[in-house]
Protein backbone atom coordinates (compact mmCIF):
# COMPACT_ATOMS: atom_id res chain seq x y z
CA MET A 1 126.30 66.18 185.14
CA ILE A 2 123.26 64.11 185.92
CA GLY A 3 123.03 60.97 183.82
CA ALA A 4 119.89 60.06 181.98
CA VAL A 5 117.46 58.05 184.06
CA ARG A 6 116.89 54.62 182.54
CA GLN A 7 113.22 53.87 182.28
CA ARG A 8 112.40 50.61 183.99
CA GLN A 9 110.72 48.11 181.69
CA SER A 10 108.17 45.63 182.91
CA MET A 11 109.04 41.94 182.72
CA ARG A 12 106.75 39.85 180.60
CA PHE A 13 105.72 36.29 181.49
CA CYS A 14 103.87 34.08 179.04
CA GLY A 15 101.90 30.89 179.60
CA ARG A 16 102.34 27.88 177.38
CA SER A 17 100.68 24.46 177.14
CA TYR A 18 102.53 21.20 176.58
CA MET A 19 101.45 17.63 176.07
CA ALA A 20 102.48 15.14 178.76
CA PHE A 21 101.67 11.54 179.59
CA LEU A 22 99.46 11.13 182.67
CA PHE A 23 100.16 8.25 185.07
CA THR A 24 97.52 7.23 187.62
CA PRO A 25 99.14 4.73 190.02
CA GLU A 26 97.00 2.22 191.89
CA LEU A 27 97.52 0.22 195.07
CA PRO A 28 99.41 -1.91 195.69
CA LEU A 29 102.17 0.09 194.01
CA GLU A 30 104.35 -3.02 193.62
CA ASN A 31 101.75 -4.58 191.31
CA TRP A 32 101.24 -1.34 189.41
CA LEU A 33 104.97 -0.99 188.82
CA ALA A 34 105.16 -4.63 187.73
CA ASP A 35 102.44 -4.00 185.13
CA LEU A 36 104.35 -0.92 183.98
CA ASP A 37 107.54 -2.97 183.64
CA SER A 38 105.65 -5.51 181.55
CA GLY A 39 104.59 -2.77 179.14
CA LEU A 40 108.10 -1.32 179.00
CA GLU A 41 109.50 -4.72 178.07
CA ARG A 42 107.35 -4.66 174.92
CA SER A 43 108.31 -1.08 174.09
CA PRO A 44 111.65 -0.23 175.77
CA GLY A 45 112.60 3.42 175.84
CA PHE A 46 109.13 4.61 174.82
CA PHE A 47 108.97 7.27 177.57
CA ILE A 48 112.57 8.47 177.30
CA GLY A 49 112.62 12.24 176.84
CA ARG A 50 108.84 12.51 177.19
CA PRO A 51 107.34 14.65 179.98
CA ALA A 52 105.00 12.86 182.36
CA VAL A 53 102.63 13.84 185.17
CA LEU A 54 101.58 11.79 188.22
CA ASP A 55 97.90 11.95 189.20
CA LEU A 56 97.79 10.84 192.85
CA SER A 57 94.25 12.01 193.62
CA ALA A 58 93.11 8.43 194.31
CA LEU A 59 95.95 7.75 196.76
CA GLN A 60 96.96 9.01 200.19
CA MET A 61 100.74 9.25 200.15
CA THR A 62 103.32 11.04 202.27
CA SER A 63 105.99 13.21 200.73
CA THR A 64 108.54 10.45 201.37
CA GLU A 65 106.38 7.88 199.57
CA ILE A 66 105.84 10.24 196.63
CA ALA A 67 109.57 10.89 196.39
CA GLY A 68 110.18 7.14 196.36
CA LEU A 69 107.67 6.63 193.55
CA VAL A 70 109.18 9.47 191.50
CA ALA A 71 112.62 7.92 191.98
CA SER A 72 111.31 4.48 190.91
CA LEU A 73 109.91 5.97 187.73
CA GLN A 74 113.14 7.86 187.08
CA LYS A 75 115.00 4.53 187.14
CA ARG A 76 112.63 3.43 184.35
CA ASP A 77 113.55 6.52 182.29
CA ILE A 78 110.20 8.16 183.09
CA ARG A 79 110.72 11.78 184.10
CA ILE A 80 107.94 13.31 186.21
CA MET A 81 107.48 17.01 185.50
CA GLY A 82 104.55 17.62 187.86
CA LEU A 83 102.01 16.24 190.33
CA GLU A 84 98.23 16.37 190.36
CA GLY A 85 95.84 15.54 193.18
CA VAL A 86 98.39 16.18 195.95
CA ASP A 87 97.65 18.30 199.01
CA LEU A 88 99.73 21.46 199.22
CA ALA A 89 100.84 20.53 202.75
CA VAL A 90 102.32 17.26 201.45
CA ALA A 91 104.20 18.72 198.50
CA GLY A 92 107.69 19.86 199.38
CA PRO A 93 110.53 21.65 197.60
CA ASP A 94 112.16 18.33 196.71
CA LEU A 95 109.10 17.11 194.78
CA PRO A 96 107.94 18.08 191.28
CA PRO A 97 105.62 21.12 191.23
CA LEU A 98 101.85 20.87 191.64
CA LEU A 99 99.80 21.20 188.46
CA ARG A 100 96.12 22.05 188.13
CA GLY A 101 93.72 22.44 185.23
CA GLY A 102 95.95 20.85 182.62
CA ARG A 103 94.84 21.13 179.02
CA ALA A 104 96.32 20.21 175.66
CA ALA A 105 97.62 22.87 173.29
CA SER A 106 95.50 23.35 170.21
CA THR A 107 96.66 21.65 167.03
CA ILE A 108 96.70 24.86 165.01
CA GLU A 109 99.13 26.46 167.45
CA MET A 110 101.41 23.44 167.27
CA LEU A 111 101.38 23.38 163.48
CA GLN A 112 102.27 27.07 163.32
CA ALA A 113 105.10 26.56 165.78
CA ARG A 114 106.58 23.83 163.62
CA GLN A 115 106.54 26.09 160.56
CA LYS A 116 108.65 28.67 162.41
CA LYS A 117 111.20 26.10 163.62
CA PRO A 118 113.31 24.58 160.82
CA GLU A 119 113.40 20.80 160.61
CA PRO A 120 116.68 18.84 160.36
CA ALA A 121 118.14 18.63 156.85
CA SER A 122 117.51 14.88 156.76
CA ALA A 123 113.76 15.40 157.09
CA PRO A 124 112.82 18.85 155.74
CA ALA A 125 109.42 20.20 156.65
CA PRO A 126 107.04 21.38 153.96
CA GLU A 127 106.89 25.11 153.40
CA THR A 128 103.22 25.15 154.33
CA SER A 129 101.23 22.88 156.57
CA VAL A 130 97.56 22.80 155.74
CA ALA A 131 95.09 22.07 158.52
CA LYS A 132 91.35 22.61 158.18
CA ARG A 133 89.56 22.73 161.48
CA GLN A 134 85.82 22.34 161.77
CA THR A 135 83.58 21.78 164.75
CA GLY A 136 84.42 18.34 166.10
CA SER A 137 86.99 17.45 163.41
CA LEU A 138 90.41 18.30 162.03
CA LEU A 139 91.57 17.61 158.46
CA LEU A 140 95.30 17.45 157.67
CA GLU A 141 96.09 17.59 153.97
CA ASP A 142 99.87 17.25 154.40
CA PRO A 143 101.77 14.20 155.69
CA VAL A 144 102.71 14.24 159.36
CA ARG A 145 106.48 13.95 159.37
CA SER A 146 108.83 12.30 161.85
CA GLY A 147 109.03 14.22 165.12
CA GLN A 148 105.76 16.11 164.61
CA SER A 149 102.92 15.84 167.11
CA VAL A 150 99.32 16.73 166.27
CA VAL A 151 96.96 17.09 169.22
CA PHE A 152 93.22 17.67 168.72
CA THR A 153 91.15 16.77 171.78
CA GLU A 154 87.89 18.26 170.47
CA GLY A 155 87.04 15.38 168.10
CA ASP A 156 88.16 13.31 165.10
CA VAL A 157 91.39 13.73 163.12
CA THR A 158 91.67 12.83 159.42
CA VAL A 159 95.07 12.63 157.70
CA LEU A 160 95.01 12.48 153.88
CA GLY A 161 98.69 11.50 153.75
CA SER A 162 100.93 9.27 155.84
CA VAL A 163 102.14 9.52 159.43
CA GLY A 164 105.90 9.05 159.63
CA SER A 165 107.90 7.03 162.11
CA GLY A 166 108.35 9.03 165.31
CA ALA A 167 105.28 11.20 164.57
CA GLU A 168 102.05 11.01 166.53
CA ILE A 169 98.37 11.83 166.18
CA VAL A 170 96.41 12.43 169.39
CA ALA A 171 92.62 12.80 169.12
CA GLY A 172 89.68 13.07 171.45
CA GLY A 173 87.64 11.13 168.90
CA SER A 174 88.51 8.71 166.10
CA ILE A 175 91.54 8.83 163.80
CA HIS A 176 91.36 8.26 160.03
CA ILE A 177 94.63 7.90 158.09
CA TYR A 178 94.43 7.50 154.30
CA GLY A 179 98.16 6.82 153.94
CA THR A 180 100.57 4.61 155.87
CA LEU A 181 100.67 4.82 159.66
CA ARG A 182 104.29 4.31 160.75
CA GLY A 183 104.18 6.39 163.93
CA ARG A 184 101.75 6.50 166.85
CA ALA A 185 97.97 6.99 166.84
CA MET A 186 96.17 7.68 170.13
CA ALA A 187 92.39 8.05 169.88
CA GLY A 188 89.73 8.72 172.52
CA VAL A 189 92.21 10.44 174.83
CA THR A 190 89.46 12.37 176.63
CA GLY A 191 87.82 9.13 177.80
CA ASN A 192 86.00 8.18 174.59
CA SER A 193 86.06 4.37 174.59
CA LYS A 194 83.91 4.32 171.41
CA ALA A 195 86.64 5.97 169.33
CA ARG A 196 88.27 3.96 166.54
CA ILE A 197 91.44 4.06 164.47
CA PHE A 198 91.35 3.50 160.70
CA CYS A 199 94.37 3.47 158.40
CA HIS A 200 95.02 2.47 154.79
CA LYS A 201 98.32 0.74 155.64
CA ILE A 202 99.53 -0.12 159.13
CA ASP A 203 103.16 -0.24 160.18
CA ALA A 204 102.53 1.48 163.49
CA GLU A 205 104.78 1.96 166.50
CA LEU A 206 101.77 2.21 168.82
CA LEU A 207 97.97 2.25 168.75
CA ALA A 208 95.97 3.48 171.74
CA ILE A 209 92.28 4.05 172.46
CA ASP A 210 91.11 5.56 175.75
CA GLY A 211 94.46 4.71 177.34
CA TYR A 212 94.54 1.03 176.29
CA TYR A 213 97.32 0.40 173.81
CA ARG A 214 99.21 -2.05 171.65
CA THR A 215 102.81 -1.63 170.56
CA ALA A 216 104.33 -2.82 167.28
CA GLU A 217 105.23 -6.16 168.88
CA ASP A 218 101.57 -6.76 169.82
CA ILE A 219 100.20 -6.22 166.29
CA ASN A 220 99.82 -9.39 164.23
CA VAL A 221 102.38 -9.45 161.41
CA SER A 222 99.67 -10.65 159.01
CA LEU A 223 98.06 -7.20 159.31
CA ARG A 224 101.17 -5.27 158.29
CA ASN A 225 100.78 -2.97 155.27
CA ARG A 226 97.06 -3.71 155.07
CA PRO A 227 93.99 -1.52 155.67
CA VAL A 228 92.84 -2.05 159.27
CA GLN A 229 90.57 -0.71 161.95
CA ALA A 230 91.07 -0.82 165.72
CA TRP A 231 88.48 -0.50 168.48
CA LEU A 232 87.88 -1.48 172.09
CA GLU A 233 85.86 -4.38 173.40
CA GLY A 234 85.86 -3.72 177.11
CA THR A 235 89.53 -3.25 177.96
CA THR A 236 90.83 -5.26 174.99
CA MET A 237 91.91 -3.58 171.77
CA MET A 238 90.73 -5.39 168.67
CA ILE A 239 92.50 -4.96 165.31
CA THR A 240 91.09 -6.42 162.10
CA ALA A 241 91.76 -6.03 158.41
CA LEU A 242 89.37 -4.00 156.28
CA ASN A 243 88.20 -5.68 153.08
């Protein structure tokens, strides 16, 4: 008896976008690492569990030197998931994979994904998450809860509620928060140094504009729980109270 022939099914592969921190080391590396250590002292453990990418396009490094740099970052609890700007001949099997054409996932996709995945019982997610996207802006009518990440690189983000501790807002333009900011707000991530951050009450873990940042320890205690705005003057972040 001839058995039934099993029809071979095709294997399906899907692409997916993730947000990662981008590091761009500069020479001499000893000074760059020292500056990194200074920042980590103010915010220890900030990069633990967060994917990161090394952009080495401005440097000429051998595979041994790259491996040494990756190991140095690993000792600082910074895990490198990929490399950019590295020649294919230099990259070896012992190094992180080469990445090209990175882009952020859209906010709407991320919000939908969070609705499908149940939140821990200690911090239940709302049954619906309302996001209104217009050209150059994103409006969030619900609070952004702990552990949630909203990424919108096309322009400004406005949050009508609060941003919880451990949550983050990432925007290509400015960020407006009409509740309390307890998490992280990163504006101007696409190189917009004119972006600003506004919030009704500040108790933030981190503020960043165009890559320049301040952690909670760097924010004057007199500004806590007050309406503030933050902007850049050159490479210095300014934070003042709003009357």
